[in-house]
Amino acid sequence: MKGTQRFGELRKSIPEISQKVLTENLRSMEDGIVIRTVFAEVPPRVEYSLSELGNSLKPIIFSMETWGLGYQKLNEELPNDTQ
């Protein structure tokens, strides 16, 4: 959601994800959600950005984030025996 990023930047923004899983997920989203741009340079440079379809998902993702943060806060406030 932060604009065009290189693979390393994406990996750093999600430290708990492995390189393999990130690669698999990016490849699965290249069907219209993510645009992968390869530059003919040495060393090769690859950038990822959201397509128009990907950008249309932003309101949904932000709503899910808001809900998830609220749910997390609720769980933190509950006594341990009710979770």
N, C-alpha and C. Protein backbone atom coordinates (compact mmCIF):
# COMPACT_ATOMS: atom_id res chain seq x y z
N MET A 1 0.81 -1.20 0.00
CA MET A 1 0.00 0.00 0.00
C MET A 1 0.86 1.26 0.00
N LYS A 2 2.18 1.11 0.10
CA LYS A 2 3.07 2.26 0.20
C LYS A 2 3.70 2.64 -1.12
N GLY A 3 3.04 2.33 -2.22
CA GLY A 3 3.60 2.67 -3.52
C GLY A 3 4.53 1.58 -4.03
N THR A 4 5.32 1.93 -5.02
CA THR A 4 6.24 0.97 -5.64
C THR A 4 7.36 0.63 -4.67
N GLN A 5 7.62 -0.68 -4.54
CA GLN A 5 8.68 -1.14 -3.64
C GLN A 5 9.45 -2.28 -4.27
N ARG A 6 10.70 -2.38 -3.88
CA ARG A 6 11.53 -3.50 -4.31
C ARG A 6 11.32 -4.66 -3.34
N PHE A 7 11.73 -5.85 -3.77
CA PHE A 7 11.52 -7.06 -2.98
C PHE A 7 12.10 -6.91 -1.57
N GLY A 8 13.32 -6.39 -1.47
CA GLY A 8 13.96 -6.23 -0.17
C GLY A 8 13.19 -5.31 0.76
N GLU A 9 12.59 -4.26 0.21
CA GLU A 9 11.79 -3.35 1.03
C GLU A 9 10.54 -4.05 1.55
N LEU A 10 9.92 -4.84 0.68
CA LEU A 10 8.74 -5.60 1.10
C LEU A 10 9.11 -6.59 2.19
N ARG A 11 10.22 -7.25 2.01
CA ARG A 11 10.66 -8.26 2.99
C ARG A 11 10.94 -7.61 4.34
N LYS A 12 11.57 -6.46 4.34
CA LYS A 12 11.87 -5.76 5.60
C LYS A 12 10.60 -5.28 6.29
N SER A 13 9.58 -4.95 5.51
CA SER A 13 8.33 -4.46 6.10
C SER A 13 7.50 -5.58 6.73
N ILE A 14 7.85 -6.84 6.42
CA ILE A 14 7.17 -7.99 6.99
C ILE A 14 8.24 -8.96 7.50
N PRO A 15 8.90 -8.63 8.61
CA PRO A 15 10.06 -9.42 9.04
C PRO A 15 9.75 -10.89 9.35
N GLU A 16 8.51 -11.21 9.69
CA GLU A 16 8.19 -12.59 10.05
C GLU A 16 7.91 -13.49 8.84
N ILE A 17 7.98 -12.95 7.63
CA ILE A 17 7.72 -13.75 6.43
C ILE A 17 9.04 -14.25 5.83
N SER A 18 9.02 -15.48 5.34
CA SER A 18 10.23 -16.01 4.70
C SER A 18 10.29 -15.52 3.25
N GLN A 19 11.48 -15.57 2.69
CA GLN A 19 11.66 -15.15 1.30
C GLN A 19 10.81 -16.00 0.37
N LYS A 20 10.75 -17.30 0.63
CA LYS A 20 9.97 -18.21 -0.21
C LYS A 20 8.49 -17.87 -0.18
N VAL A 21 7.95 -17.65 1.00
CA VAL A 21 6.52 -17.34 1.12
C VAL A 21 6.19 -16.01 0.48
N LEU A 22 7.04 -15.00 0.67
CA LEU A 22 6.81 -13.70 0.05
C LEU A 22 6.83 -13.83 -1.47
N THR A 23 7.80 -14.56 -2.00
CA THR A 23 7.89 -14.76 -3.45
C THR A 23 6.65 -15.46 -3.98
N GLU A 24 6.20 -16.50 -3.30
CA GLU A 24 5.00 -17.23 -3.73
C GLU A 24 3.78 -16.34 -3.71
N ASN A 25 3.64 -15.54 -2.66
CA ASN A 25 2.48 -14.65 -2.56
C ASN A 25 2.50 -13.57 -3.63
N LEU A 26 3.67 -12.99 -3.88
CA LEU A 26 3.75 -11.97 -4.92
C LEU A 26 3.42 -12.56 -6.29
N ARG A 27 3.94 -13.74 -6.56
CA ARG A 27 3.65 -14.39 -7.84
C ARG A 27 2.16 -14.66 -8.00
N SER A 28 1.52 -15.08 -6.92
CA SER A 28 0.08 -15.38 -7.01
C SER A 28 -0.76 -14.12 -7.25
N MET A 29 -0.22 -12.96 -6.87
CA MET A 29 -0.96 -11.71 -7.05
C MET A 29 -0.63 -11.01 -8.36
N GLU A 30 0.30 -11.58 -9.13
CA GLU A 30 0.64 -10.99 -10.43
C GLU A 30 -0.44 -11.21 -11.47
N ASP A 31 -1.54 -11.83 -11.09
CA ASP A 31 -2.64 -12.08 -12.02
C ASP A 31 -3.56 -10.87 -12.16
N GLY A 32 -3.14 -9.72 -11.67
CA GLY A 32 -3.94 -8.52 -11.83
C GLY A 32 -3.93 -7.60 -10.63
N ILE A 33 -3.46 -8.09 -9.48
CA ILE A 33 -3.45 -7.27 -8.28
C ILE A 33 -2.14 -6.52 -8.13
N VAL A 34 -1.04 -7.19 -8.45
CA VAL A 34 0.30 -6.61 -8.33
C VAL A 34 0.96 -6.55 -9.70
N ILE A 35 1.66 -5.46 -9.95
CA ILE A 35 2.42 -5.31 -11.19
C ILE A 35 3.90 -5.50 -10.85
N ARG A 36 4.54 -6.42 -11.54
CA ARG A 36 5.97 -6.70 -11.35
C ARG A 36 6.71 -6.10 -12.54
N THR A 37 7.64 -5.19 -12.26
CA THR A 37 8.41 -4.55 -13.31
C THR A 37 9.87 -4.96 -13.16
N VAL A 38 10.41 -5.56 -14.22
CA VAL A 38 11.81 -6.00 -14.22
C VAL A 38 12.62 -5.03 -15.07
N PHE A 39 13.72 -4.54 -14.53
CA PHE A 39 14.60 -3.63 -15.25
C PHE A 39 15.82 -4.39 -15.74
N ALA A 40 16.17 -4.20 -16.98
CA ALA A 40 17.32 -4.89 -17.59
C ALA A 40 18.60 -4.20 -17.15
N GLU A 41 19.01 -4.48 -15.94
CA GLU A 41 20.22 -3.89 -15.36
C GLU A 41 21.05 -5.01 -14.76
N VAL A 42 22.29 -4.68 -14.44
CA VAL A 42 23.14 -5.62 -13.72
C VAL A 42 23.57 -4.92 -12.44
N PRO A 43 23.21 -5.44 -11.28
CA PRO A 43 22.33 -6.60 -11.05
C PRO A 43 20.89 -6.25 -11.40
N PRO A 44 20.09 -7.27 -11.69
CA PRO A 44 18.70 -7.03 -12.07
C PRO A 44 17.92 -6.34 -10.94
N ARG A 45 17.02 -5.48 -11.33
CA ARG A 45 16.18 -4.75 -10.37
C ARG A 45 14.73 -5.07 -10.69
N VAL A 46 13.97 -5.43 -9.65
CA VAL A 46 12.55 -5.75 -9.80
C VAL A 46 11.77 -4.89 -8.82
N GLU A 47 10.69 -4.28 -9.31
CA GLU A 47 9.84 -3.46 -8.46
C GLU A 47 8.41 -3.98 -8.52
N TYR A 48 7.72 -3.82 -7.42
CA TYR A 48 6.33 -4.25 -7.31
C TYR A 48 5.46 -3.06 -6.96
N SER A 49 4.31 -2.99 -7.61
CA SER A 49 3.34 -1.94 -7.31
C SER A 49 1.94 -2.52 -7.47
N LEU A 50 0.97 -1.82 -6.90
CA LEU A 50 -0.41 -2.27 -7.03
C LEU A 50 -0.98 -1.83 -8.37
N SER A 51 -1.74 -2.70 -8.97
CA SER A 51 -2.46 -2.36 -10.20
C SER A 51 -3.70 -1.55 -9.82
N GLU A 52 -4.46 -1.15 -10.80
CA GLU A 52 -5.71 -0.45 -10.54
C GLU A 52 -6.64 -1.34 -9.71
N LEU A 53 -6.68 -2.62 -10.06
CA LEU A 53 -7.50 -3.57 -9.30
C LEU A 53 -6.98 -3.67 -7.87
N GLY A 54 -5.67 -3.75 -7.70
CA GLY A 54 -5.07 -3.81 -6.37
C GLY A 54 -5.40 -2.58 -5.54
N ASN A 55 -5.34 -1.42 -6.17
CA ASN A 55 -5.69 -0.18 -5.46
C ASN A 55 -7.15 -0.16 -5.04
N SER A 56 -8.00 -0.81 -5.80
CA SER A 56 -9.43 -0.84 -5.45
C SER A 56 -9.67 -1.66 -4.17
N LEU A 57 -8.69 -2.46 -3.76
CA LEU A 57 -8.82 -3.25 -2.53
C LEU A 57 -8.45 -2.47 -1.27
N LYS A 58 -7.85 -1.30 -1.43
CA LYS A 58 -7.39 -0.53 -0.27
C LYS A 58 -8.48 -0.30 0.78
N PRO A 59 -9.67 0.16 0.41
CA PRO A 59 -10.69 0.39 1.45
C PRO A 59 -11.05 -0.89 2.21
N ILE A 60 -11.05 -2.01 1.52
CA ILE A 60 -11.37 -3.29 2.17
C ILE A 60 -10.26 -3.67 3.14
N ILE A 61 -9.02 -3.54 2.70
CA ILE A 61 -7.88 -3.88 3.55
C ILE A 61 -7.84 -2.97 4.77
N PHE A 62 -8.06 -1.68 4.59
CA PHE A 62 -8.05 -0.75 5.72
C PHE A 62 -9.18 -1.06 6.70
N SER A 63 -10.35 -1.44 6.19
CA SER A 63 -11.46 -1.83 7.07
C SER A 63 -11.11 -3.08 7.86
N MET A 64 -10.47 -4.05 7.21
CA MET A 64 -10.06 -5.27 7.90
C MET A 64 -9.01 -4.95 8.97
N GLU A 65 -8.10 -4.04 8.66
CA GLU A 65 -7.08 -3.65 9.64
C GLU A 65 -7.73 -3.00 10.86
N THR A 66 -8.67 -2.09 10.62
CA THR A 66 -9.36 -1.42 11.71
C THR A 66 -10.09 -2.42 12.59
N TRP A 67 -10.80 -3.36 11.96
CA TRP A 67 -11.51 -4.39 12.70
C TRP A 67 -10.53 -5.24 13.51
N GLY A 68 -9.44 -5.66 12.88
CA GLY A 68 -8.45 -6.51 13.54
C GLY A 68 -7.80 -5.83 14.74
N LEU A 69 -7.48 -4.55 14.61
CA LEU A 69 -6.89 -3.82 15.73
C LEU A 69 -7.88 -3.68 16.88
N GLY A 70 -9.15 -3.45 16.55
CA GLY A 70 -10.19 -3.38 17.58
C GLY A 70 -10.38 -4.71 18.28
N TYR A 71 -10.36 -5.78 17.50
CA TYR A 71 -10.50 -7.13 18.06
C TYR A 71 -9.30 -7.46 18.95
N GLN A 72 -8.11 -7.08 18.51
CA GLN A 72 -6.91 -7.32 19.31
C GLN A 72 -7.00 -6.57 20.64
N LYS A 73 -7.45 -5.33 20.59
CA LYS A 73 -7.58 -4.53 21.81
C LYS A 73 -8.61 -5.16 22.74
N LEU A 74 -9.71 -5.62 22.19
CA LEU A 74 -10.74 -6.27 23.00
C LEU A 74 -10.18 -7.51 23.70
N ASN A 75 -9.43 -8.32 22.99
CA ASN A 75 -8.84 -9.53 23.57
C ASN A 75 -7.82 -9.19 24.65
N GLU A 76 -7.11 -8.09 24.49
CA GLU A 76 -6.13 -7.69 25.50
C GLU A 76 -6.82 -7.24 26.78
N GLU A 77 -8.05 -6.71 26.66
CA GLU A 77 -8.78 -6.22 27.80
C GLU A 77 -9.53 -7.31 28.56
N LEU A 78 -9.80 -8.45 27.91
CA LEU A 78 -10.53 -9.54 28.54
C LEU A 78 -9.65 -10.29 29.52
N PRO A 79 -10.23 -10.77 30.63
CA PRO A 79 -9.45 -11.64 31.52
C PRO A 79 -9.04 -12.92 30.78
N ASN A 80 -7.92 -13.49 31.15
CA ASN A 80 -7.38 -14.67 30.46
C ASN A 80 -8.33 -15.85 30.44
N ASP A 81 -9.16 -16.04 31.46
CA ASP A 81 -10.02 -17.22 31.50
C ASP A 81 -11.23 -17.13 30.57
N THR A 82 -11.48 -15.96 29.96
CA THR A 82 -12.60 -15.84 29.02
C THR A 82 -12.17 -15.89 27.57
N GLN A 83 -10.88 -16.00 27.32
CA GLN A 83 -10.38 -16.01 25.94
C GLN A 83 -10.36 -17.39 25.39
